[in-house]
């Protein structure tokens, strides 16, 4: 095969991107619907899972889509998704202190 800059290699990369685009878009939608997140947040989840599990993005996407059809999400991906969701979640609200709970005109 030619080097990465050859027209043949470029054409092969474009062909592969076109083949995987649909499943990636589907997984993106699955994440948005499941976790009620914005498109950029869903994309970040998808990329983070791919990077942390060391699995190609299109394979993560395919597994996510298959999980909507009853297939279990493989453990490395499930674990990476849980971690990404924990990282993406805003911190829980701070519980008000006892002092904050008192009316303003009440004496401490």
N, C-alpha and C. Protein backbone atom coordinates (compact mmCIF):
# COMPACT_ATOMS: atom_id res chain seq x y z
N UNK A 1 0.83 -1.17 0.00
CA UNK A 1 0.00 0.00 0.00
C UNK A 1 0.88 1.24 0.00
N UNK A 2 0.38 2.35 -0.49
CA UNK A 2 1.15 3.58 -0.57
C UNK A 2 1.25 4.27 0.77
N UNK A 3 2.00 5.38 0.76
CA UNK A 3 2.16 6.13 2.00
C UNK A 3 0.88 6.89 2.34
N UNK A 4 0.83 7.42 3.56
CA UNK A 4 -0.40 8.05 4.08
C UNK A 4 -0.82 9.27 3.26
N UNK A 5 0.07 9.87 2.52
CA UNK A 5 -0.27 11.06 1.75
C UNK A 5 -0.71 10.76 0.33
N UNK A 6 -0.74 9.51 -0.06
CA UNK A 6 -1.09 9.16 -1.43
C UNK A 6 -2.59 9.30 -1.66
N UNK A 7 -2.97 9.56 -2.90
CA UNK A 7 -4.41 9.65 -3.21
C UNK A 7 -5.16 8.36 -2.87
N UNK A 8 -4.52 7.22 -3.06
CA UNK A 8 -5.17 5.94 -2.75
C UNK A 8 -5.46 5.83 -1.25
N UNK A 9 -4.49 6.21 -0.42
CA UNK A 9 -4.68 6.16 1.03
C UNK A 9 -5.76 7.14 1.46
N UNK A 10 -5.76 8.32 0.86
CA UNK A 10 -6.78 9.33 1.18
C UNK A 10 -8.17 8.82 0.81
N UNK A 11 -8.29 8.22 -0.35
CA UNK A 11 -9.56 7.67 -0.79
C UNK A 11 -10.04 6.57 0.16
N UNK A 12 -9.12 5.73 0.60
CA UNK A 12 -9.47 4.66 1.54
C UNK A 12 -9.94 5.24 2.87
N UNK A 13 -9.30 6.29 3.35
CA UNK A 13 -9.72 6.94 4.61
C UNK A 13 -11.12 7.54 4.46
N UNK A 14 -11.38 8.17 3.34
CA UNK A 14 -12.70 8.76 3.10
C UNK A 14 -13.78 7.67 3.00
N UNK A 15 -13.47 6.58 2.34
CA UNK A 15 -14.40 5.47 2.23
C UNK A 15 -14.73 4.91 3.62
N UNK A 16 -13.72 4.74 4.44
CA UNK A 16 -13.91 4.21 5.78
C UNK A 16 -14.75 5.18 6.63
N UNK A 17 -14.48 6.46 6.51
CA UNK A 17 -15.24 7.47 7.25
C UNK A 17 -16.72 7.43 6.86
N UNK A 18 -16.99 7.26 5.57
CA UNK A 18 -18.37 7.21 5.10
C UNK A 18 -19.07 5.96 5.62
N UNK A 19 -18.35 4.86 5.73
CA UNK A 19 -18.94 3.60 6.22
C UNK A 19 -19.28 3.68 7.70
N UNK A 20 -18.47 4.38 8.47
CA UNK A 20 -18.66 4.41 9.92
C UNK A 20 -19.48 5.60 10.40
N UNK A 21 -19.70 6.57 9.56
CA UNK A 21 -20.40 7.80 9.96
C UNK A 21 -21.80 7.53 10.50
N UNK A 22 -22.53 6.66 9.86
CA UNK A 22 -23.91 6.39 10.25
C UNK A 22 -24.00 5.83 11.66
N UNK A 23 -23.20 4.83 12.00
CA UNK A 23 -23.27 4.24 13.32
C UNK A 23 -22.78 5.22 14.39
N UNK A 24 -21.82 6.06 14.05
CA UNK A 24 -21.35 7.07 15.00
C UNK A 24 -22.46 8.08 15.27
N UNK A 25 -23.16 8.51 14.22
CA UNK A 25 -24.28 9.44 14.40
C UNK A 25 -25.39 8.80 15.24
N UNK A 26 -25.66 7.52 15.02
CA UNK A 26 -26.68 6.83 15.80
C UNK A 26 -26.29 6.77 17.27
N UNK A 27 -25.05 6.42 17.55
CA UNK A 27 -24.57 6.34 18.95
C UNK A 27 -24.62 7.72 19.60
N UNK A 28 -24.31 8.74 18.84
CA UNK A 28 -24.37 10.11 19.33
C UNK A 28 -25.79 10.42 19.79
N UNK A 29 -26.76 10.04 18.98
CA UNK A 29 -28.17 10.24 19.33
C UNK A 29 -28.59 9.40 20.52
N UNK A 30 -28.09 8.18 20.61
CA UNK A 30 -28.41 7.31 21.74
C UNK A 30 -27.94 7.97 23.04
N UNK A 31 -26.74 8.49 23.03
CA UNK A 31 -26.20 9.14 24.23
C UNK A 31 -27.01 10.39 24.59
N UNK A 32 -27.38 11.18 23.58
CA UNK A 32 -28.17 12.39 23.86
C UNK A 32 -29.52 12.02 24.46
N UNK A 33 -30.16 11.01 23.91
CA UNK A 33 -31.48 10.60 24.40
C UNK A 33 -31.40 9.94 25.77
N UNK A 34 -30.44 9.07 25.95
CA UNK A 34 -30.32 8.31 27.19
C UNK A 34 -29.93 9.19 28.37
N UNK A 35 -28.97 10.07 28.15
CA UNK A 35 -28.43 10.88 29.25
C UNK A 35 -28.88 12.33 29.20
N UNK A 36 -29.81 12.62 28.28
CA UNK A 36 -30.36 13.97 28.15
C UNK A 36 -29.26 15.03 28.15
N UNK A 37 -28.33 14.85 27.24
CA UNK A 37 -27.22 15.79 27.16
C UNK A 37 -27.20 16.48 25.80
N UNK A 38 -26.43 17.53 25.72
CA UNK A 38 -26.32 18.31 24.49
C UNK A 38 -25.48 17.53 23.47
N UNK A 39 -25.58 17.91 22.19
CA UNK A 39 -24.74 17.24 21.20
C UNK A 39 -23.24 17.30 21.52
N UNK A 40 -22.71 18.46 21.92
CA UNK A 40 -21.27 18.46 22.26
C UNK A 40 -20.94 17.56 23.45
N UNK A 41 -21.82 17.50 24.45
CA UNK A 41 -21.56 16.65 25.61
C UNK A 41 -21.60 15.17 25.20
N UNK A 42 -22.53 14.80 24.33
CA UNK A 42 -22.63 13.42 23.86
C UNK A 42 -21.39 13.05 23.06
N UNK A 43 -20.93 13.97 22.23
CA UNK A 43 -19.71 13.72 21.44
C UNK A 43 -18.53 13.51 22.37
N UNK A 44 -18.42 14.36 23.40
CA UNK A 44 -17.31 14.24 24.35
C UNK A 44 -17.37 12.89 25.06
N UNK A 45 -18.57 12.45 25.44
CA UNK A 45 -18.71 11.13 26.08
C UNK A 45 -18.22 10.03 25.15
N UNK A 46 -18.64 10.10 23.90
CA UNK A 46 -18.26 9.08 22.92
C UNK A 46 -16.74 9.02 22.75
N UNK A 47 -16.13 10.17 22.59
CA UNK A 47 -14.67 10.24 22.41
C UNK A 47 -13.94 9.77 23.67
N UNK A 48 -14.43 10.20 24.83
CA UNK A 48 -13.79 9.81 26.09
C UNK A 48 -13.85 8.31 26.30
N UNK A 49 -14.99 7.71 26.03
CA UNK A 49 -15.11 6.25 26.16
C UNK A 49 -14.13 5.56 25.22
N UNK A 50 -14.06 6.03 23.99
CA UNK A 50 -13.14 5.45 23.01
C UNK A 50 -11.69 5.54 23.49
N UNK A 51 -11.31 6.70 23.99
CA UNK A 51 -9.93 6.89 24.43
C UNK A 51 -9.61 6.08 25.68
N UNK A 52 -10.51 6.10 26.66
CA UNK A 52 -10.23 5.40 27.92
C UNK A 52 -10.28 3.89 27.77
N UNK A 53 -11.11 3.39 26.88
CA UNK A 53 -11.18 1.95 26.65
C UNK A 53 -10.18 1.49 25.59
N UNK A 54 -9.56 2.46 24.92
CA UNK A 54 -8.61 2.18 23.84
C UNK A 54 -9.26 1.33 22.75
N UNK A 55 -10.46 1.78 22.35
CA UNK A 55 -11.23 1.11 21.31
C UNK A 55 -11.60 2.15 20.26
N UNK A 56 -11.50 1.78 19.00
CA UNK A 56 -11.83 2.72 17.92
C UNK A 56 -13.23 3.28 18.10
N UNK A 57 -13.38 4.55 17.75
CA UNK A 57 -14.64 5.26 17.94
C UNK A 57 -15.81 4.53 17.28
N UNK A 58 -15.63 4.06 16.05
CA UNK A 58 -16.74 3.39 15.37
C UNK A 58 -17.13 2.08 16.04
N UNK A 59 -16.18 1.41 16.70
CA UNK A 59 -16.50 0.18 17.41
C UNK A 59 -17.25 0.47 18.71
N UNK A 60 -16.87 1.56 19.39
CA UNK A 60 -17.62 1.99 20.57
C UNK A 60 -19.05 2.33 20.16
N UNK A 61 -19.16 3.07 19.06
CA UNK A 61 -20.48 3.49 18.56
C UNK A 61 -21.33 2.27 18.23
N UNK A 62 -20.75 1.30 17.55
CA UNK A 62 -21.51 0.09 17.18
C UNK A 62 -21.99 -0.65 18.43
N UNK A 63 -21.15 -0.75 19.45
CA UNK A 63 -21.54 -1.43 20.68
C UNK A 63 -22.66 -0.68 21.39
N UNK A 64 -22.59 0.65 21.39
CA UNK A 64 -23.65 1.45 22.02
C UNK A 64 -24.98 1.25 21.29
N UNK A 65 -24.93 1.26 19.98
CA UNK A 65 -26.15 1.07 19.19
C UNK A 65 -26.71 -0.33 19.44
N UNK A 66 -25.87 -1.33 19.48
CA UNK A 66 -26.32 -2.70 19.73
C UNK A 66 -26.91 -2.84 21.14
N UNK A 67 -26.45 -2.02 22.08
CA UNK A 67 -26.97 -2.11 23.44
C UNK A 67 -28.44 -1.66 23.49
N UNK A 68 -28.88 -0.93 22.49
CA UNK A 68 -30.30 -0.53 22.44
C UNK A 68 -31.16 -1.69 21.95
N UNK A 69 -30.52 -2.72 21.43
CA UNK A 69 -31.24 -3.90 20.92
C UNK A 69 -31.10 -5.09 21.86
N UNK A 70 -30.67 -4.84 23.10
CA UNK A 70 -30.58 -5.90 24.10
C UNK A 70 -29.21 -6.51 24.27
N UNK A 71 -28.26 -6.13 23.43
CA UNK A 71 -26.89 -6.65 23.59
C UNK A 71 -26.24 -5.93 24.76
N UNK A 72 -25.57 -6.65 25.65
CA UNK A 72 -24.89 -5.97 26.75
C UNK A 72 -23.69 -5.18 26.22
N UNK A 73 -23.45 -4.05 26.83
CA UNK A 73 -22.28 -3.24 26.49
C UNK A 73 -21.06 -3.95 27.09
N UNK A 74 -20.04 -4.24 26.31
CA UNK A 74 -18.86 -4.94 26.86
C UNK A 74 -18.30 -4.19 28.07
N UNK A 75 -17.80 -4.94 29.04
CA UNK A 75 -17.36 -4.36 30.30
C UNK A 75 -16.35 -3.22 30.14
N UNK A 76 -15.31 -3.33 29.31
CA UNK A 76 -14.39 -2.19 29.22
C UNK A 76 -15.10 -0.91 28.77
N UNK A 77 -16.07 -1.04 27.89
CA UNK A 77 -16.81 0.14 27.42
C UNK A 77 -17.77 0.63 28.49
N UNK A 78 -18.42 -0.30 29.17
CA UNK A 78 -19.34 0.06 30.24
C UNK A 78 -18.61 0.80 31.34
N UNK A 79 -17.47 0.31 31.72
CA UNK A 79 -16.66 0.94 32.76
C UNK A 79 -16.19 2.33 32.33
N UNK A 80 -15.74 2.43 31.09
CA UNK A 80 -15.29 3.73 30.57
C UNK A 80 -16.44 4.71 30.49
N UNK A 81 -17.63 4.24 30.13
CA UNK A 81 -18.81 5.11 30.06
C UNK A 81 -19.19 5.61 31.46
N UNK A 82 -19.19 4.71 32.44
CA UNK A 82 -19.49 5.14 33.81
C UNK A 82 -18.50 6.20 34.28
N UNK A 83 -17.23 6.00 34.00
CA UNK A 83 -16.21 6.98 34.38
C UNK A 83 -16.41 8.30 33.67
N UNK A 84 -16.73 8.26 32.39
CA UNK A 84 -16.95 9.50 31.63
C UNK A 84 -18.17 10.24 32.14
N UNK A 85 -19.21 9.50 32.50
CA UNK A 85 -20.41 10.13 33.04
C UNK A 85 -20.14 10.78 34.39
N UNK A 86 -19.35 10.10 35.23
CA UNK A 86 -18.99 10.69 36.53
C UNK A 86 -18.20 11.98 36.33
N UNK A 87 -17.28 11.97 35.38
CA UNK A 87 -16.46 13.15 35.11
C UNK A 87 -17.28 14.29 34.54
N UNK A 88 -18.29 13.95 33.75
CA UNK A 88 -19.09 14.98 33.08
C UNK A 88 -20.18 15.55 33.97
N UNK A 89 -20.57 14.81 35.00
CA UNK A 89 -21.67 15.26 35.85
C UNK A 89 -21.24 16.44 36.71
N UNK A 90 -22.12 17.43 36.85
CA UNK A 90 -21.77 18.54 37.73
C UNK A 90 -21.74 18.04 39.17
N UNK A 91 -20.93 18.67 40.01
CA UNK A 91 -20.87 18.22 41.40
C UNK A 91 -22.24 18.39 42.06
N UNK A 92 -22.57 17.52 43.01
CA UNK A 92 -23.87 17.66 43.67
C UNK A 92 -23.94 18.98 44.42
N UNK A 93 -25.13 19.55 44.53
CA UNK A 93 -25.24 20.83 45.23
C UNK A 93 -24.83 20.67 46.68
N UNK A 94 -24.20 21.70 47.19
CA UNK A 94 -23.75 21.70 48.57
C UNK A 94 -24.97 21.81 49.47
N UNK A 95 -25.02 20.96 50.48
CA UNK A 95 -26.13 21.01 51.42
C UNK A 95 -26.03 22.31 52.22
N UNK A 96 -27.15 22.98 52.44
CA UNK A 96 -27.08 24.22 53.22
C UNK A 96 -26.65 23.91 54.65
N UNK A 97 -25.85 24.80 55.19
CA UNK A 97 -25.43 24.63 56.57
C UNK A 97 -26.58 25.02 57.48
N UNK A 98 -26.48 24.66 58.72
CA UNK A 98 -27.52 24.99 59.70
C UNK A 98 -27.70 26.50 59.77
N UNK A 99 -26.63 27.20 59.68
CA UNK A 99 -26.68 28.66 59.75
C UNK A 99 -27.48 29.23 58.57
N UNK A 100 -27.29 28.63 57.36
CA UNK A 100 -28.03 29.07 56.17
C UNK A 100 -29.50 28.78 56.29
N UNK A 101 -29.88 27.79 57.10
CA UNK A 101 -31.27 27.39 57.20
C UNK A 101 -32.07 28.32 58.13
N UNK A 102 -31.38 29.09 58.95
CA UNK A 102 -32.06 30.00 59.87
C UNK A 102 -32.62 31.22 59.13
N UNK A 103 -33.77 31.71 59.53
CA UNK A 103 -34.27 32.95 58.93
C UNK A 103 -33.29 34.09 59.22
N UNK A 104 -33.23 35.04 58.33
CA UNK A 104 -32.25 36.13 58.46
C UNK A 104 -32.43 36.93 59.75
N UNK A 105 -33.64 37.05 60.24
CA UNK A 105 -33.84 37.87 61.43
C UNK A 105 -33.76 37.04 62.71
N UNK A 106 -33.49 35.74 62.60
CA UNK A 106 -33.40 34.91 63.79
C UNK A 106 -32.00 35.02 64.38
N UNK A 107 -31.91 34.92 65.68
CA UNK A 107 -30.62 34.97 66.35
C UNK A 107 -29.98 33.59 66.30
N UNK A 108 -28.65 33.53 66.10
CA UNK A 108 -27.97 32.24 66.07
C UNK A 108 -27.89 31.57 67.43
